[in-house]
PDB file of N, CA and C in Angstrom:
ATOM      1  N   MET A   1       0.879  -1.465  -0.416  1.00  0.00           N
ATOM      2  CA  MET A   1       0.030   0.344  -0.177  1.00  0.00           C
ATOM      3  C   MET A   1       1.068   1.269   0.238  1.00  0.00           C
ATOM      4  N   ALA A   2       0.857   2.008  -0.839  1.00  0.00           N
ATOM      5  CA  ALA A   2       1.246   3.277  -1.094  1.00  0.00           C
ATOM      6  C   ALA A   2       0.608   4.276  -0.172  1.00  0.00           C
ATOM      7  N   GLY A   3       1.849   4.991   0.422  1.00  0.00           N
ATOM      8  CA  GLY A   3       1.132   6.264   1.173  1.00  0.00           C
ATOM      9  C   GLY A   3       0.894   5.953   2.472  1.00  0.00           C
ATOM     10  N   GLY A   4      -0.002   5.566   3.019  1.00  0.00           N
ATOM     11  CA  GLY A   4      -0.492   4.577   4.196  1.00  0.00           C
ATOM     12  C   GLY A   4      -0.380   6.130   5.590  1.00  0.00           C
ATOM     13  N   ARG A   5      -0.850   5.890   6.524  1.00  0.00           N
ATOM     14  CA  ARG A   5      -1.480   6.876   7.327  1.00  0.00           C
ATOM     15  C   ARG A   5      -0.552   7.828   7.581  1.00  0.00           C
ATOM     16  N   GLU A   6       0.534   7.412   7.842  1.00  0.00           N
ATOM     17  CA  GLU A   6       1.454   8.172   8.187  1.00  0.00           C
ATOM     18  C   GLU A   6       1.858   9.788   6.896  1.00  0.00           C
ATOM     19  N   GLY A   7       1.978   9.142   5.614  1.00  0.00           N
ATOM     20  CA  GLY A   7       2.162   9.763   4.365  1.00  0.00           C
ATOM     21  C   GLY A   7       0.628  10.718   4.541  1.00  0.00           C
ATOM     22  N   ASP A   8      -0.506   9.890   4.649  1.00  0.00           N
ATOM     23  CA  ASP A   8      -1.945  11.022   4.090  1.00  0.00           C
ATOM     24  C   ASP A   8      -1.245  12.052   5.441  1.00  0.00           C
ATOM     25  N   GLU A   9      -0.813  11.869   6.738  1.00  0.00           N
ATOM     26  CA  GLU A   9      -0.912  12.778   7.902  1.00  0.00           C
ATOM     27  C   GLU A   9      -0.186  13.958   7.739  1.00  0.00           C
ATOM     28  N   THR A  10       1.118  13.637   6.897  1.00  0.00           N
ATOM     29  CA  THR A  10       2.352  14.351   6.727  1.00  0.00           C
ATOM     30  C   THR A  10       0.926  15.286   5.310  1.00  0.00           C
ATOM     31  N   ALA A  11       0.466  14.920   5.137  1.00  0.00           N
ATOM     32  CA  ALA A  11       0.110  15.587   3.295  1.00  0.00           C
ATOM     33  C   ALA A  11      -0.818  16.820   4.455  1.00  0.00           C
ATOM     34  N   SER A  12      -1.746  15.719   5.203  1.00  0.00           N
ATOM     35  CA  SER A  12      -3.193  16.652   5.837  1.00  0.00           C
ATOM     36  C   SER A  12      -2.364  17.646   6.706  1.00  0.00           C
ATOM     37  N   LEU A  13      -0.868  17.873   7.344  1.00  0.00           N
ATOM     38  CA  LEU A  13      -0.460  18.612   8.065  1.00  0.00           C
ATOM     39  C   LEU A  13       0.094  19.757   6.995  1.00  0.00           C
ATOM     40  N   ILE A  14       0.270  19.420   5.931  1.00  0.00           N
ATOM     41  CA  ILE A  14       0.877  20.677   5.120  1.00  0.00           C
ATOM     42  C   ILE A  14      -0.322  21.202   4.508  1.00  0.00           C
ATOM     43  N   TYR A  15      -1.412  20.942   4.351  1.00  0.00           N
ATOM     44  CA  TYR A  15      -2.555  21.525   3.761  1.00  0.00           C
ATOM     45  C   TYR A  15      -3.201  22.553   4.758  1.00  0.00           C
ATOM     46  N   LEU A  16      -3.321  21.834   6.275  1.00  0.00           N
ATOM     47  CA  LEU A  16      -3.768  22.211   7.190  1.00  0.00           C
ATOM     48  C   LEU A  16      -3.267  23.654   7.718  1.00  0.00           C
ATOM     49  N   ARG A  17      -1.485  23.687   7.686  1.00  0.00           N
ATOM     50  CA  ARG A  17      -0.827  24.942   7.888  1.00  0.00           C
ATOM     51  C   ARG A  17      -1.045  25.857   6.535  1.00  0.00           C
ATOM     52  N   LEU A  18      -0.990  25.320   5.382  1.00  0.00           N
ATOM     53  CA  LEU A  18      -1.337  25.967   4.816  1.00  0.00           C
ATOM     54  C   LEU A  18      -2.632  27.073   4.172  1.00  0.00           C
ATOM     55  N   ALA A  19      -3.617  26.094   4.908  1.00  0.00           N
ATOM     56  CA  ALA A  19      -5.074  26.770   5.192  1.00  0.00           C
ATOM     57  C   ALA A  19      -4.650  28.088   6.302  1.00  0.00           C
ATOM     58  N   LEU A  20      -4.540  27.569   7.562  1.00  0.00           N
ATOM     59  CA  LEU A  20      -4.103  28.222   8.577  1.00  0.00           C
ATOM     60  C   LEU A  20      -3.411  29.870   8.330  1.00  0.00           C
ATOM     61  N   ALA A  21      -2.168  29.446   7.230  1.00  0.00           N
ATOM     62  CA  ALA A  21      -1.386  30.875   6.694  1.00  0.00           C
ATOM     63  C   ALA A  21      -2.576  31.780   5.894  1.00  0.00           C
ATOM     64  N   LEU A  22      -3.607  31.020   5.354  1.00  0.00           N
ATOM     65  CA  LEU A  22      -4.371  31.989   4.637  1.00  0.00           C
ATOM     66  C   LEU A  22      -5.728  32.853   5.631  1.00  0.00           C
ATOM     67  N   ASP A  23      -6.024  31.798   6.106  1.00  0.00           N
ATOM     68  CA  ASP A  23      -6.370  32.413   7.369  1.00  0.00           C
ATOM     69  C   ASP A  23      -6.762  31.767   9.007  1.00  0.00           C
ATOM     70  N   SER A  24      -6.164  32.952   9.507  1.00  0.00           N
ATOM     71  CA  SER A  24      -5.490  32.575  10.841  1.00  0.00           C
ATOM     72  C   SER A  24      -6.607  31.721  11.941  1.00  0.00           C
ATOM     73  N   GLU A  25      -7.584  32.445  11.648  1.00  0.00           N
ATOM     74  CA  GLU A  25      -8.751  31.848  12.299  1.00  0.00           C
ATOM     75  C   GLU A  25      -9.695  30.670  11.859  1.00  0.00           C
ATOM     76  N   HIS A  26      -9.020  30.265  10.729  1.00  0.00           N
ATOM     77  CA  HIS A  26     -10.136  29.167  10.216  1.00  0.00           C
ATOM     78  C   HIS A  26     -10.360  27.933  11.172  1.00  0.00           C
ATOM     79  N   ASP A  27     -11.278  27.698  12.079  1.00  0.00           N
ATOM     80  CA  ASP A  27     -11.421  27.130  13.371  1.00  0.00           C
ATOM     81  C   ASP A  27     -11.342  25.430  13.140  1.00  0.00           C
ATOM     82  N   LEU A  28     -11.868  25.338  11.557  1.00  0.00           N
ATOM     83  CA  LEU A  28     -11.680  23.557  11.548  1.00  0.00           C
ATOM     84  C   LEU A  28     -10.561  23.502  11.455  1.00  0.00           C
ATOM     85  N   ALA A  29      -9.863  24.182  10.891  1.00  0.00           N
ATOM     86  CA  ALA A  29      -8.522  23.397  10.648  1.00  0.00           C
ATOM     87  C   ALA A  29      -7.448  23.840  11.847  1.00  0.00           C
ATOM     88  N   LEU A  30      -7.818  24.878  12.761  1.00  0.00           N
ATOM     89  CA  LEU A  30      -7.152  24.852  13.942  1.00  0.00           C
ATOM     90  C   LEU A  30      -7.416  23.712  14.664  1.00  0.00           C
ATOM     91  N   VAL A  31      -8.796  23.154  14.768  1.00  0.00           N
ATOM     92  CA  VAL A  31      -8.739  22.139  15.608  1.00  0.00           C
ATOM     93  C   VAL A  31      -8.332  20.803  14.848  1.00  0.00           C
ATOM     94  N   SER A  32      -8.199  20.406  13.550  1.00  0.00           N
ATOM     95  CA  SER A  32      -7.407  19.537  12.434  1.00  0.00           C
ATOM     96  C   SER A  32      -6.253  19.519  13.090  1.00  0.00           C
ATOM     97  N   LEU A  33      -5.583  20.199  13.015  1.00  0.00           N
ATOM     98  CA  LEU A  33      -4.201  20.262  13.459  1.00  0.00           C
ATOM     99  C   LEU A  33      -3.930  19.806  14.436  1.00  0.00           C
ATOM    100  N   ALA A  34      -4.531  20.600  15.307  1.00  0.00           N
ATOM    101  CA  ALA A  34      -4.301  20.268  16.410  1.00  0.00           C
ATOM    102  C   ALA A  34      -4.696  18.573  17.279  1.00  0.00           C
ATOM    103  N   ASP A  35      -5.567  18.193  16.313  1.00  0.00           N
ATOM    104  CA  ASP A  35      -5.903  16.656  16.426  1.00  0.00           C
ATOM    105  C   ASP A  35      -4.297  15.738  16.168  1.00  0.00           C
ATOM    106  N   ILE A  36      -3.941  16.215  15.294  1.00  0.00           N
ATOM    107  CA  ILE A  36      -2.560  15.563  14.370  1.00  0.00           C
ATOM    108  C   ILE A  36      -1.633  15.532  15.489  1.00  0.00           C
ATOM    109  N   TYR A  37      -1.386  16.488  15.876  1.00  0.00           N
ATOM    110  CA  TYR A  37      -0.046  16.939  16.869  1.00  0.00           C
ATOM    111  C   TYR A  37      -0.941  16.238  18.388  1.00  0.00           C
ATOM    112  N   GLU A  38      -1.927  16.196  18.332  1.00  0.00           N
ATOM    113  CA  GLU A  38      -2.195  15.235  19.879  1.00  0.00           C
ATOM    114  C   GLU A  38      -1.626  13.640  19.364  1.00  0.00           C
ATOM    115  N   ARG A  39      -2.304  13.517  17.967  1.00  0.00           N
ATOM    116  CA  ARG A  39      -2.122  11.656  17.835  1.00  0.00           C
ATOM    117  C   ARG A  39      -0.467  11.412  17.667  1.00  0.00           C
ATOM    118  N   ARG A  40       0.733  12.592  17.096  1.00  0.00           N
ATOM    119  CA  ARG A  40       1.871  12.580  17.526  1.00  0.00           C
ATOM    120  C   ARG A  40       2.242  12.693  18.537  1.00  0.00           C
ATOM    121  N   LYS A  41       1.477  12.546  19.559  1.00  0.00           N
ATOM    122  CA  LYS A  41       1.819  12.674  21.104  1.00  0.00           C
ATOM    123  C   LYS A  41       2.712  14.321  21.294  1.00  0.00           C
ATOM    124  N   LEU A  42       2.226  14.899  20.837  1.00  0.00           N
ATOM    125  CA  LEU A  42       2.685  16.920  21.175  1.00  0.00           C
ATOM    126  C   LEU A  42       1.455  17.416  21.458  1.00  0.00           C
ATOM    127  N   PRO A  43       1.277  17.641  22.601  1.00  0.00           N
ATOM    128  CA  PRO A  43       0.256  17.919  23.277  1.00  0.00           C
ATOM    129  C   PRO A  43       0.769  19.511  23.513  1.00  0.00           C
ATOM    130  N   GLU A  44       1.552  19.592  23.641  1.00  0.00           N
ATOM    131  CA  GLU A  44       1.829  21.647  23.852  1.00  0.00           C
ATOM    132  C   GLU A  44       1.777  22.142  22.775  1.00  0.00           C
ATOM    133  N   ALA A  45       2.576  21.487  21.182  1.00  0.00           N
ATOM    134  CA  ALA A  45       1.961  22.133  20.337  1.00  0.00           C
ATOM    135  C   ALA A  45       0.438  21.851  19.783  1.00  0.00           C
ATOM    136  N   ALA A  46      -0.737  21.053  20.470  1.00  0.00           N
ATOM    137  CA  ALA A  46      -1.902  21.205  20.082  1.00  0.00           C
ATOM    138  C   ALA A  46      -2.284  22.398  21.054  1.00  0.00           C
ATOM    139  N   ASN A  47      -1.923  22.293  22.280  1.00  0.00           N
ATOM    140  CA  ASN A  47      -2.429  23.497  23.364  1.00  0.00           C
ATOM    141  C   ASN A  47      -2.370  25.049  22.791  1.00  0.00           C
ATOM    142  N   LYS A  48      -1.106  24.873  21.699  1.00  0.00           N
ATOM    143  CA  LYS A  48      -0.621  26.276  21.239  1.00  0.00           C
ATOM    144  C   LYS A  48      -1.728  26.802  20.091  1.00  0.00           C
ATOM    145  N   LEU A  49      -1.568  25.795  19.054  1.00  0.00           N
ATOM    146  CA  LEU A  49      -3.062  25.859  18.532  1.00  0.00           C
ATOM    147  C   LEU A  49      -4.403  26.112  19.507  1.00  0.00           C
ATOM    148  N   TYR A  50      -4.696  25.596  20.386  1.00  0.00           N
ATOM    149  CA  TYR A  50      -6.158  25.346  20.852  1.00  0.00           C
ATOM    150  C   TYR A  50      -6.326  27.013  21.404  1.00  0.00           C
ATOM    151  N   ASP A  51      -5.635  27.631  22.100  1.00  0.00           N
ATOM    152  CA  ASP A  51      -4.658  29.092  22.506  1.00  0.00           C
ATOM    153  C   ASP A  51      -5.244  30.299  21.753  1.00  0.00           C
ATOM    154  N   THR A  52      -5.450  29.888  19.941  1.00  0.00           N
ATOM    155  CA  THR A  52      -5.458  30.739  19.565  1.00  0.00           C
ATOM    156  C   THR A  52      -6.521  30.720  18.698  1.00  0.00           C
ATOM    157  N   MET A  53      -8.079  30.114  19.612  1.00  0.00           N
ATOM    158  CA  MET A  53      -8.997  29.683  19.090  1.00  0.00           C
ATOM    159  C   MET A  53      -9.670  31.024  19.428  1.00  0.00           C
ATOM    160  N   PRO A  54     -10.455  31.622  18.696  1.00  0.00           N
ATOM    161  CA  PRO A  54     -11.734  32.844  19.146  1.00  0.00           C
ATOM    162  C   PRO A  54     -12.623  32.436  19.985  1.00  0.00           C
ATOM    163  N   PRO A  55     -13.209  33.329  20.873  1.00  0.00           N
ATOM    164  CA  PRO A  55     -13.885  32.902  21.686  1.00  0.00           C
ATOM    165  C   PRO A  55     -15.385  32.466  21.166  1.00  0.00           C
ATOM    166  N   GLN A  56     -15.413  33.271  19.640  1.00  0.00           N
ATOM    167  CA  GLN A  56     -17.082  33.205  19.311  1.00  0.00           C
ATOM    168  C   GLN A  56     -16.725  31.746  18.469  1.00  0.00           C
ATOM    169  N   ALA A  57     -15.526  31.377  18.106  1.00  0.00           N
ATOM    170  CA  ALA A  57     -15.630  30.311  17.118  1.00  0.00           C
ATOM    171  C   ALA A  57     -16.481  29.018  17.549  1.00  0.00           C
ATOM    172  N   PRO A  58     -17.187  28.440  16.683  1.00  0.00           N
ATOM    173  CA  PRO A  58     -17.818  27.810  17.370  1.00  0.00           C
ATOM    174  C   PRO A  58     -17.131  26.385  17.388  1.00  0.00           C
ATOM    175  N   PHE A  59     -15.960  25.890  17.318  1.00  0.00           N
ATOM    176  CA  PHE A  59     -15.200  24.819  18.232  1.00  0.00           C
ATOM    177  C   PHE A  59     -14.267  25.189  19.598  1.00  0.00           C
ATOM    178  N   TYR A  60     -14.748  26.592  20.187  1.00  0.00           N
ATOM    179  CA  TYR A  60     -13.958  27.248  20.962  1.00  0.00           C
ATOM    180  C   TYR A  60     -14.345  25.828  21.826  1.00  0.00           C
ATOM    181  N   PHE A  61     -15.276  25.672  22.282  1.00  0.00           N
ATOM    182  CA  PHE A  61     -15.934  25.232  23.482  1.00  0.00           C
ATOM    183  C   PHE A  61     -15.080  23.646  23.419  1.00  0.00           C
ATOM    184  N   THR A  62     -15.070  23.084  22.117  1.00  0.00           N
ATOM    185  CA  THR A  62     -14.053  21.651  22.168  1.00  0.00           C
ATOM    186  C   THR A  62     -12.589  22.187  22.085  1.00  0.00           C
ATOM    187  N   ALA A  63     -12.024  23.580  21.764  1.00  0.00           N
ATOM    188  CA  ALA A  63     -10.756  23.641  21.954  1.00  0.00           C
ATOM    189  C   ALA A  63     -10.310  23.930  23.524  1.00  0.00           C
ATOM    190  N   ARG A  64     -11.176  24.301  24.256  1.00  0.00           N
ATOM    191  CA  ARG A  64     -10.876  24.412  25.379  1.00  0.00           C
ATOM    192  C   ARG A  64     -10.833  23.303  26.026  1.00  0.00           C
ATOM    193  N   LEU A  65     -12.022  22.396  25.395  1.00  0.00           N
ATOM    194  CA  LEU A  65     -12.319  21.161  26.881  1.00  0.00           C
ATOM    195  C   LEU A  65     -10.561  19.983  26.337  1.00  0.00           C
ATOM    196  N   GLN A  66     -10.569  20.191  24.961  1.00  0.00           N
ATOM    197  CA  GLN A  66      -9.233  19.416  24.681  1.00  0.00           C
ATOM    198  C   GLN A  66      -7.526  19.837  25.062  1.00  0.00           C
ATOM    199  N   ALA A  67      -8.034  21.222  25.077  1.00  0.00           N
ATOM    200  CA  ALA A  67      -6.769  21.975  26.151  1.00  0.00           C
ATOM    201  C   ALA A  67      -6.608  21.263  27.720  1.00  0.00           C
ATOM    202  N   ALA A  68      -7.639  21.478  28.412  1.00  0.00           N
ATOM    203  CA  ALA A  68      -7.783  20.429  29.911  1.00  0.00           C
ATOM    204  C   ALA A  68      -7.181  19.253  29.303  1.00  0.00           C
ATOM    205  N   LEU A  69      -7.938  18.296  28.543  1.00  0.00           N
ATOM    206  CA  LEU A  69      -7.621  16.999  28.882  1.00  0.00           C
ATOM    207  C   LEU A  69      -5.907  17.037  28.278  1.00  0.00           C
ATOM    208  N   ASN A  70      -5.350  17.740  27.564  1.00  0.00           N
ATOM    209  CA  ASN A  70      -3.888  17.973  27.261  1.00  0.00           C
ATOM    210  C   ASN A  70      -3.005  18.095  28.711  1.00  0.00           C
ATOM    211  N   HIS A  71      -3.590  19.721  29.283  1.00  0.00           N
ATOM    212  CA  HIS A  71      -2.523  20.023  30.198  1.00  0.00           C
ATOM    213  C   HIS A  71      -2.875  18.621  31.406  1.00  0.00           C
ATOM    214  N   GLU A  72      -3.911  18.096  31.539  1.00  0.00           N
ATOM    215  CA  GLU A  72      -3.972  16.799  32.415  1.00  0.00           C
ATOM    216  C   GLU A  72      -3.044  15.765  32.613  1.00  0.00           C
ATOM    217  N   GLN A  73      -2.753  15.505  30.954  1.00  0.00           N
ATOM    218  CA  GLN A  73      -2.165  14.330  30.197  1.00  0.00           C
ATOM    219  C   GLN A  73      -0.282  14.637  30.352  1.00  0.00           C
ATOM    220  N   MET A  74      -0.302  16.291  30.141  1.00  0.00           N
ATOM    221  CA  MET A  74       1.237  16.524  30.734  1.00  0.00           C
ATOM    222  C   MET A  74       1.520  16.750  32.227  1.00  0.00           C
ATOM    223  N   GLY A  75       0.559  16.296  33.309  1.00  0.00           N
ATOM    224  CA  GLY A  75       0.760  16.653  34.283  1.00  0.00           C
ATOM    225  C   GLY A  75       0.895  17.628  35.078  1.00  0.00           C
ATOM    226  N   GLU A  76      -0.718  18.817  34.223  1.00  0.00           N
ATOM    227  CA  GLU A  76      -0.420  19.654  35.197  1.00  0.00           C
ATOM    228  C   GLU A  76      -1.674  19.977  35.249  1.00  0.00           C
ATOM    229  N   PRO A  77      -2.532  19.156  36.537  1.00  0.00           N
ATOM    230  CA  PRO A  77      -3.841  19.570  36.795  1.00  0.00           C
ATOM    231  C   PRO A  77      -4.314  20.480  37.081  1.00  0.00           C
ATOM    232  N   GLU A  78      -3.525  21.407  37.902  1.00  0.00           N
ATOM    233  CA  GLU A  78      -3.930  22.087  38.129  1.00  0.00           C
ATOM    234  C   GLU A  78      -4.341  23.425  36.926  1.00  0.00           C
ATOM    235  N   ARG A  79      -3.790  23.453  36.136  1.00  0.00           N
ATOM    236  CA  ARG A  79      -3.938  24.163  34.681  1.00  0.00           C
ATOM    237  C   ARG A  79      -5.260  23.680  33.857  1.00  0.00           C
ATOM    238  N   ALA A  80      -5.363  22.233  34.044  1.00  0.00           N
ATOM    239  CA  ALA A  80      -6.548  21.175  33.211  1.00  0.00           C
ATOM    240  C   ALA A  80      -7.986  22.243  34.008  1.00  0.00           C
ATOM    241  N   VAL A  81      -7.856  21.703  35.767  1.00  0.00           N
ATOM    242  CA  VAL A  81      -9.034  22.642  36.437  1.00  0.00           C
ATOM    243  C   VAL A  81      -8.800  23.881  35.838  1.00  0.00           C
ATOM    244  N   SER A  82      -8.252  24.557  35.541  1.00  0.00           N
ATOM    245  CA  SER A  82      -8.373  26.233  35.720  1.00  0.00           C
ATOM    246  C   SER A  82      -9.230  26.631  34.459  1.00  0.00           C
ATOM    247  N   GLU A  83      -8.428  25.354  33.290  1.00  0.00           N
ATOM    248  CA  GLU A  83      -9.449  25.245  31.681  1.00  0.00           C
ATOM    249  C   GLU A  83     -10.891  25.245  32.232  1.00  0.00           C
ATOM    250  N   LEU A  84     -11.449  24.305  32.270  1.00  0.00           N
ATOM    251  CA  LEU A  84     -12.903  23.653  32.752  1.00  0.00           C
ATOM    252  C   LEU A  84     -13.269  24.860  33.834  1.00  0.00           C
ATOM    253  N   GLU A  85     -13.069  25.255  34.721  1.00  0.00           N
ATOM    254  CA  GLU A  85     -13.530  26.359  35.736  1.00  0.00           C
ATOM    255  C   GLU A  85     -13.950  27.615  34.626  1.00  0.00           C
ATOM    256  N   THR A  86     -13.069  28.156  33.334  1.00  0.00           N
ATOM    257  CA  THR A  86     -13.282  28.809  32.869  1.00  0.00           C
ATOM    258  C   THR A  86     -14.541  28.698  31.575  1.00  0.00           C
ATOM    259  N   LEU A  87     -14.349  27.551  31.340  1.00  0.00           N
ATOM    260  CA  LEU A  87     -15.493  27.028  30.363  1.00  0.00           C
ATOM    261  C   LEU A  87     -16.975  27.296  31.378  1.00  0.00           C
ATOM    262  N   ILE A  88     -17.228  27.181  32.053  1.00  0.00           N
ATOM    263  CA  ILE A  88     -18.168  27.347  33.265  1.00  0.00           C
ATOM    264  C   ILE A  88     -18.521  27.916  33.694  1.00  0.00           C
ATOM    265  N   ALA A  89     -17.704  29.291  34.013  1.00  0.00           N
ATOM    266  CA  ALA A  89     -18.068  30.548  34.634  1.00  0.00           C
ATOM    267  C   ALA A  89     -18.885  31.460  33.450  1.00  0.00           C
TER     268      ALA A  89
END
């Protein structure tokens, strides 16, 4: 099988980064790229993207929730709780 998941993911990275270069607030591209970073075990990189999600974006809640989960997985429970408290405030 040519390509495979890794090759598909690499192509996705390229196109998602291009989409963000053209529109830095493209919320679907932000969430999709962050998801790839999470699958590659790069939660810090994913959270940097989640932090750029504008509050009015449809995926804002999802981004903040994923950021909280990433903080917990990175051994930062206080930051995880803070993220979640911000969501319910």
